[in-house]
Amino acid sequence: MPDNHFRYRISIVDEDPLRARKEARELLGALSEADPTARLDLPEATAGALDKGGPSAETVGLVLTAGSLATALVQLWLSRVPQRTIVVKRPDGATLQITGKETREDDTLVERFLADDENNGDDRDDDTTVG
């Protein structure tokens, strides 16, 4: 699906693509009531792109429209998985990389990042990495 058809993309970062896919499905389950448009974002298999029978870690993710409840659910899920790293991408291309440990320390970081997309117009950073 082209980038202009979604609001936010959350990528699960993991060296094991099967584990990343499993965790993406768990997060989707947590988000489905808050954002019924949320869906798994798994690319079609391409030759040489598979490892351990699944897509690469960079491509396993979710697409969602966000919103405060969805954001809270992402933060809650991530805080319970301290070893996990996710990358959140806004429609303007700005990204935020954060781990579960960092979420416990700053439980408003994802919310502020997503809110910045709605509030700041064109004064946004192109890339934000935490950690």
N, C-alpha and C. Protein backbone atom coordinates (compact mmCIF):
# COMPACT_ATOMS: atom_id res chain seq x y z
N MET A 1 0.85 -1.18 0.00
CA MET A 1 0.00 0.00 0.00
C MET A 1 0.89 1.23 0.00
N PRO A 2 0.67 2.20 -0.87
CA PRO A 2 1.51 3.39 -0.93
C PRO A 2 1.42 4.21 0.35
N ASP A 3 2.48 4.95 0.64
CA ASP A 3 2.57 5.72 1.88
C ASP A 3 1.42 6.70 2.06
N ASN A 4 0.89 7.28 0.98
CA ASN A 4 -0.13 8.30 1.15
C ASN A 4 -1.48 7.74 1.56
N HIS A 5 -1.61 6.42 1.71
CA HIS A 5 -2.87 5.81 2.11
C HIS A 5 -2.94 5.48 3.60
N PHE A 6 -1.91 5.81 4.37
CA PHE A 6 -1.97 5.51 5.79
C PHE A 6 -1.54 6.71 6.61
N ARG A 7 -1.89 6.67 7.86
CA ARG A 7 -1.51 7.74 8.77
C ARG A 7 -0.17 7.44 9.44
N TYR A 8 -0.06 6.35 10.14
CA TYR A 8 1.16 6.03 10.90
C TYR A 8 1.54 4.58 10.65
N ARG A 9 2.84 4.31 10.68
CA ARG A 9 3.33 2.94 10.54
C ARG A 9 4.23 2.65 11.73
N ILE A 10 3.99 1.51 12.37
CA ILE A 10 4.82 1.06 13.48
C ILE A 10 5.54 -0.19 13.03
N SER A 11 6.86 -0.15 13.05
CA SER A 11 7.67 -1.31 12.68
C SER A 11 8.21 -1.96 13.94
N ILE A 12 8.15 -3.26 14.00
CA ILE A 12 8.72 -4.03 15.10
C ILE A 12 10.14 -4.40 14.69
N VAL A 13 11.12 -3.98 15.50
CA VAL A 13 12.52 -4.25 15.19
C VAL A 13 12.95 -5.51 15.93
N ASP A 14 13.37 -6.52 15.17
CA ASP A 14 13.79 -7.78 15.76
C ASP A 14 14.63 -8.52 14.74
N GLU A 15 15.68 -9.18 15.19
CA GLU A 15 16.51 -9.97 14.28
C GLU A 15 15.78 -11.22 13.81
N ASP A 16 14.80 -11.67 14.56
CA ASP A 16 14.02 -12.85 14.21
C ASP A 16 12.69 -12.39 13.61
N PRO A 17 12.52 -12.50 12.29
CA PRO A 17 11.30 -12.00 11.66
C PRO A 17 10.04 -12.72 12.10
N LEU A 18 10.14 -13.99 12.49
CA LEU A 18 8.95 -14.70 12.97
C LEU A 18 8.49 -14.14 14.31
N ARG A 19 9.43 -13.83 15.17
CA ARG A 19 9.08 -13.22 16.47
C ARG A 19 8.51 -11.81 16.23
N ALA A 20 9.09 -11.07 15.30
CA ALA A 20 8.59 -9.73 14.99
C ALA A 20 7.15 -9.79 14.48
N ARG A 21 6.88 -10.76 13.63
CA ARG A 21 5.52 -10.92 13.11
C ARG A 21 4.54 -11.28 14.23
N LYS A 22 4.96 -12.18 15.13
CA LYS A 22 4.12 -12.57 16.26
C LYS A 22 3.81 -11.36 17.13
N GLU A 23 4.82 -10.56 17.41
CA GLU A 23 4.61 -9.39 18.26
C GLU A 23 3.78 -8.32 17.55
N ALA A 24 3.94 -8.20 16.25
CA ALA A 24 3.10 -7.26 15.50
C ALA A 24 1.64 -7.68 15.59
N ARG A 25 1.38 -8.98 15.53
CA ARG A 25 0.00 -9.47 15.67
C ARG A 25 -0.54 -9.24 17.07
N GLU A 26 0.31 -9.39 18.09
CA GLU A 26 -0.12 -9.11 19.46
C GLU A 26 -0.49 -7.64 19.61
N LEU A 27 0.35 -6.77 19.07
CA LEU A 27 0.06 -5.34 19.14
C LEU A 27 -1.21 -5.01 18.35
N LEU A 28 -1.39 -5.61 17.20
CA LEU A 28 -2.60 -5.40 16.41
C LEU A 28 -3.83 -5.81 17.21
N GLY A 29 -3.74 -6.92 17.93
CA GLY A 29 -4.86 -7.35 18.77
C GLY A 29 -5.20 -6.31 19.83
N ALA A 30 -4.17 -5.70 20.40
CA ALA A 30 -4.40 -4.67 21.42
C ALA A 30 -4.99 -3.40 20.81
N LEU A 31 -4.68 -3.14 19.55
CA LEU A 31 -5.12 -1.91 18.90
C LEU A 31 -6.46 -2.02 18.17
N SER A 32 -6.89 -3.24 17.87
CA SER A 32 -8.03 -3.41 16.96
C SER A 32 -9.31 -2.75 17.44
N GLU A 33 -9.58 -2.71 18.72
CA GLU A 33 -10.80 -2.04 19.20
C GLU A 33 -10.67 -0.54 19.15
N ALA A 34 -9.48 -0.01 19.45
CA ALA A 34 -9.28 1.44 19.45
C ALA A 34 -9.19 1.99 18.03
N ASP A 35 -8.64 1.20 17.11
CA ASP A 35 -8.49 1.63 15.73
C ASP A 35 -8.85 0.48 14.81
N PRO A 36 -10.13 0.37 14.42
CA PRO A 36 -10.56 -0.75 13.59
C PRO A 36 -9.90 -0.76 12.21
N THR A 37 -9.27 0.34 11.80
CA THR A 37 -8.58 0.37 10.51
C THR A 37 -7.15 -0.15 10.61
N ALA A 38 -6.65 -0.39 11.82
CA ALA A 38 -5.28 -0.88 11.99
C ALA A 38 -5.15 -2.24 11.32
N ARG A 39 -4.00 -2.48 10.70
CA ARG A 39 -3.79 -3.75 10.01
C ARG A 39 -2.31 -4.08 10.01
N LEU A 40 -2.01 -5.37 9.81
CA LEU A 40 -0.63 -5.80 9.63
C LEU A 40 -0.12 -5.26 8.32
N ASP A 41 1.14 -4.91 8.28
CA ASP A 41 1.76 -4.42 7.06
C ASP A 41 2.94 -5.34 6.75
N LEU A 42 2.66 -6.41 6.03
CA LEU A 42 3.67 -7.39 5.66
C LEU A 42 3.82 -7.37 4.16
N PRO A 43 5.02 -7.14 3.66
CA PRO A 43 5.22 -7.08 2.21
C PRO A 43 5.12 -8.46 1.58
N GLU A 44 4.91 -8.47 0.30
CA GLU A 44 4.93 -9.73 -0.42
C GLU A 44 6.34 -10.27 -0.42
N ALA A 45 6.47 -11.59 -0.38
CA ALA A 45 7.80 -12.21 -0.37
C ALA A 45 8.52 -11.93 -1.68
N THR A 46 9.80 -11.61 -1.56
CA THR A 46 10.64 -11.43 -2.73
C THR A 46 11.83 -12.35 -2.61
N ALA A 47 12.38 -12.75 -3.71
CA ALA A 47 13.52 -13.68 -3.70
C ALA A 47 14.67 -13.10 -2.90
N GLY A 48 15.20 -13.89 -1.98
CA GLY A 48 16.34 -13.48 -1.17
C GLY A 48 15.99 -12.58 0.00
N ALA A 49 14.73 -12.20 0.15
CA ALA A 49 14.35 -11.28 1.22
C ALA A 49 13.88 -12.01 2.47
N LEU A 50 13.81 -13.32 2.43
CA LEU A 50 13.28 -14.06 3.56
C LEU A 50 14.40 -14.64 4.42
N ASP A 51 14.15 -14.66 5.73
CA ASP A 51 15.08 -15.23 6.67
C ASP A 51 14.24 -16.00 7.69
N LYS A 52 14.55 -17.23 7.93
CA LYS A 52 13.78 -18.07 8.84
C LYS A 52 12.31 -18.16 8.44
N GLY A 53 12.04 -18.05 7.16
CA GLY A 53 10.68 -18.23 6.67
C GLY A 53 9.78 -17.03 6.78
N GLY A 54 10.31 -15.87 7.10
CA GLY A 54 9.47 -14.69 7.22
C GLY A 54 10.14 -13.47 6.65
N PRO A 55 9.45 -12.34 6.62
CA PRO A 55 10.03 -11.12 6.08
C PRO A 55 11.11 -10.56 7.00
N SER A 56 11.92 -9.67 6.48
CA SER A 56 12.97 -9.08 7.30
C SER A 56 12.38 -8.21 8.39
N ALA A 57 13.14 -7.98 9.44
CA ALA A 57 12.66 -7.21 10.59
C ALA A 57 12.27 -5.79 10.21
N GLU A 58 12.91 -5.25 9.20
CA GLU A 58 12.62 -3.88 8.80
C GLU A 58 11.24 -3.74 8.15
N THR A 59 10.62 -4.84 7.76
CA THR A 59 9.36 -4.74 7.02
C THR A 59 8.14 -5.20 7.80
N VAL A 60 8.30 -5.78 8.97
CA VAL A 60 7.16 -6.24 9.75
C VAL A 60 6.60 -5.06 10.52
N GLY A 61 5.34 -4.78 10.33
CA GLY A 61 4.80 -3.64 11.04
C GLY A 61 3.29 -3.59 11.02
N LEU A 62 2.78 -2.47 11.49
CA LEU A 62 1.36 -2.20 11.55
C LEU A 62 1.11 -0.85 10.91
N VAL A 63 -0.06 -0.70 10.34
CA VAL A 63 -0.49 0.59 9.82
C VAL A 63 -1.73 0.97 10.62
N LEU A 64 -1.76 2.22 11.12
CA LEU A 64 -2.90 2.66 11.91
C LEU A 64 -3.14 4.14 11.70
N THR A 65 -4.32 4.59 12.11
CA THR A 65 -4.65 6.00 11.98
C THR A 65 -4.30 6.77 13.25
N ALA A 66 -3.88 6.07 14.27
CA ALA A 66 -3.48 6.65 15.57
C ALA A 66 -4.69 7.15 16.33
N GLY A 67 -4.53 8.20 17.09
CA GLY A 67 -5.56 8.64 18.01
C GLY A 67 -5.07 8.38 19.42
N SER A 68 -5.64 9.09 20.39
CA SER A 68 -5.11 9.02 21.75
C SER A 68 -5.23 7.64 22.37
N LEU A 69 -6.34 6.94 22.14
CA LEU A 69 -6.48 5.61 22.73
C LEU A 69 -5.51 4.63 22.09
N ALA A 70 -5.37 4.68 20.76
CA ALA A 70 -4.42 3.81 20.08
C ALA A 70 -3.00 4.10 20.55
N THR A 71 -2.66 5.37 20.71
CA THR A 71 -1.34 5.75 21.19
C THR A 71 -1.10 5.21 22.59
N ALA A 72 -2.09 5.33 23.46
CA ALA A 72 -1.96 4.81 24.82
C ALA A 72 -1.75 3.30 24.81
N LEU A 73 -2.46 2.59 23.94
CA LEU A 73 -2.30 1.14 23.85
C LEU A 73 -0.92 0.74 23.35
N VAL A 74 -0.37 1.50 22.38
CA VAL A 74 0.99 1.23 21.91
C VAL A 74 1.98 1.41 23.05
N GLN A 75 1.83 2.50 23.80
CA GLN A 75 2.73 2.77 24.92
C GLN A 75 2.61 1.70 25.99
N LEU A 76 1.40 1.27 26.30
CA LEU A 76 1.19 0.24 27.31
C LEU A 76 1.84 -1.07 26.86
N TRP A 77 1.60 -1.46 25.61
CA TRP A 77 2.18 -2.70 25.09
C TRP A 77 3.70 -2.63 25.12
N LEU A 78 4.26 -1.54 24.69
CA LEU A 78 5.71 -1.40 24.64
C LEU A 78 6.32 -1.39 26.03
N SER A 79 5.66 -0.79 27.00
CA SER A 79 6.20 -0.75 28.36
C SER A 79 6.24 -2.13 29.01
N ARG A 80 5.40 -3.06 28.52
CA ARG A 80 5.40 -4.41 29.06
C ARG A 80 6.45 -5.31 28.40
N VAL A 81 7.07 -4.81 27.33
CA VAL A 81 8.06 -5.59 26.59
C VAL A 81 9.35 -4.76 26.55
N PRO A 82 10.09 -4.72 27.67
CA PRO A 82 11.22 -3.79 27.77
C PRO A 82 12.35 -4.03 26.77
N GLN A 83 12.49 -5.23 26.26
CA GLN A 83 13.57 -5.50 25.32
C GLN A 83 13.19 -5.15 23.88
N ARG A 84 11.95 -4.81 23.63
CA ARG A 84 11.46 -4.55 22.28
C ARG A 84 11.77 -3.14 21.82
N THR A 85 12.07 -2.99 20.56
CA THR A 85 12.27 -1.69 19.94
C THR A 85 11.25 -1.56 18.80
N ILE A 86 10.62 -0.39 18.73
CA ILE A 86 9.72 -0.12 17.62
C ILE A 86 10.17 1.16 16.93
N VAL A 87 9.75 1.31 15.69
CA VAL A 87 9.98 2.54 14.94
C VAL A 87 8.60 3.03 14.51
N VAL A 88 8.27 4.26 14.90
CA VAL A 88 7.00 4.87 14.51
C VAL A 88 7.30 5.88 13.41
N LYS A 89 6.57 5.77 12.31
CA LYS A 89 6.77 6.68 11.18
C LYS A 89 5.50 7.48 10.95
N ARG A 90 5.64 8.80 10.95
CA ARG A 90 4.51 9.68 10.68
C ARG A 90 4.33 9.85 9.17
N PRO A 91 3.18 10.32 8.73
CA PRO A 91 2.94 10.53 7.30
C PRO A 91 3.93 11.51 6.66
N ASP A 92 4.47 12.43 7.45
CA ASP A 92 5.42 13.40 6.90
C ASP A 92 6.82 12.83 6.75
N GLY A 93 7.00 11.54 7.14
CA GLY A 93 8.29 10.89 7.00
C GLY A 93 9.15 10.90 8.25
N ALA A 94 8.80 11.70 9.23
CA ALA A 94 9.56 11.73 10.48
C ALA A 94 9.41 10.40 11.20
N THR A 95 10.49 9.94 11.84
CA THR A 95 10.45 8.66 12.55
C THR A 95 10.91 8.82 13.98
N LEU A 96 10.43 7.93 14.82
CA LEU A 96 10.82 7.85 16.22
C LEU A 96 11.15 6.40 16.51
N GLN A 97 12.36 6.15 17.01
CA GLN A 97 12.75 4.80 17.42
C GLN A 97 12.81 4.79 18.94
N ILE A 98 12.12 3.84 19.54
CA ILE A 98 12.05 3.80 21.00
C ILE A 98 11.98 2.35 21.48
N THR A 99 12.57 2.10 22.64
CA THR A 99 12.52 0.77 23.25
C THR A 99 11.50 0.76 24.37
N GLY A 100 11.14 -0.45 24.80
CA GLY A 100 10.22 -0.60 25.92
C GLY A 100 10.79 0.02 27.19
N LYS A 101 12.09 -0.10 27.39
CA LYS A 101 12.73 0.49 28.58
C LYS A 101 12.57 2.01 28.56
N GLU A 102 12.76 2.62 27.41
CA GLU A 102 12.62 4.07 27.31
C GLU A 102 11.18 4.49 27.52
N THR A 103 10.23 3.66 27.09
CA THR A 103 8.82 3.97 27.29
C THR A 103 8.48 4.00 28.77
N ARG A 104 9.07 3.09 29.53
CA ARG A 104 8.83 3.10 30.98
C ARG A 104 9.36 4.39 31.60
N GLU A 105 10.47 4.90 31.09
CA GLU A 105 11.07 6.11 31.63
C GLU A 105 10.32 7.36 31.21
N ASP A 106 9.77 7.37 30.01
CA ASP A 106 9.06 8.53 29.48
C ASP A 106 7.81 8.04 28.76
N ASP A 107 6.73 7.87 29.52
CA ASP A 107 5.53 7.25 28.96
C ASP A 107 4.73 8.18 28.05
N THR A 108 5.19 9.40 27.85
CA THR A 108 4.49 10.31 26.95
C THR A 108 5.22 10.56 25.64
N LEU A 109 6.36 9.92 25.43
CA LEU A 109 7.19 10.20 24.26
C LEU A 109 6.46 9.91 22.95
N VAL A 110 5.86 8.74 22.81
CA VAL A 110 5.15 8.40 21.58
C VAL A 110 3.97 9.35 21.37
N GLU A 111 3.25 9.62 22.44
CA GLU A 111 2.10 10.53 22.35
C GLU A 111 2.53 11.92 21.87
N ARG A 112 3.62 12.45 22.43
CA ARG A 112 4.11 13.76 22.00
C ARG A 112 4.57 13.74 20.54
N PHE A 113 5.22 12.64 20.14
CA PHE A 113 5.69 12.53 18.76
C PHE A 113 4.52 12.53 17.78
N LEU A 114 3.49 11.76 18.07
CA LEU A 114 2.33 11.71 17.20
C LEU A 114 1.55 13.02 17.23
N ALA A 115 1.46 13.65 18.40
CA ALA A 115 0.76 14.92 18.51
C ALA A 115 1.49 16.01 17.74
N ASP A 116 2.82 15.93 17.68
CA ASP A 116 3.61 16.92 16.95
C ASP A 116 3.23 16.94 15.49
N ASP A 117 2.84 15.81 14.94
CA ASP A 117 2.41 15.73 13.55
C ASP A 117 1.16 16.57 13.32
N GLU A 118 0.29 16.60 14.29
CA GLU A 118 -0.98 17.31 14.16
C GLU A 118 -0.87 18.78 14.52
N ASN A 119 0.14 19.16 15.34
CA ASN A 119 0.19 20.50 15.89
C ASN A 119 1.24 21.44 15.29
N ASN A 120 2.31 20.91 14.74
CA ASN A 120 3.42 21.78 14.39
C ASN A 120 3.57 22.13 12.92
N GLY A 121 2.69 21.72 12.08
CA GLY A 121 2.82 22.08 10.68
C GLY A 121 4.12 21.59 10.10
N ASP A 122 4.87 22.47 9.42
CA ASP A 122 6.09 22.08 8.74
C ASP A 122 7.34 22.25 9.58
N ASP A 123 7.24 22.60 10.85
CA ASP A 123 8.41 22.78 11.70
C ASP A 123 8.81 21.49 12.38
N ARG A 124 8.77 20.37 11.67
CA ARG A 124 9.03 19.07 12.26
C ARG A 124 10.42 18.59 11.90
N ASP A 125 10.97 17.78 12.80
CA ASP A 125 12.24 17.11 12.50
C ASP A 125 11.97 15.98 11.52
N ASP A 126 12.96 15.65 10.70
CA ASP A 126 12.80 14.56 9.76
C ASP A 126 13.03 13.22 10.41
N ASP A 127 13.82 13.16 11.48
CA ASP A 127 14.15 11.87 12.10
C ASP A 127 14.45 12.09 13.56
N THR A 128 13.87 11.27 14.41
CA THR A 128 14.12 11.33 15.84
C THR A 128 14.45 9.94 16.31
N THR A 129 15.58 9.79 16.97
CA THR A 129 15.95 8.51 17.53
C THR A 129 16.16 8.69 19.02
N VAL A 130 15.55 7.82 19.79
CA VAL A 130 15.69 7.85 21.24
C VAL A 130 16.54 6.69 21.65
N GLY A 131 17.52 6.95 22.48
CA GLY A 131 18.34 5.85 22.98
C GLY A 131 19.64 5.77 22.41
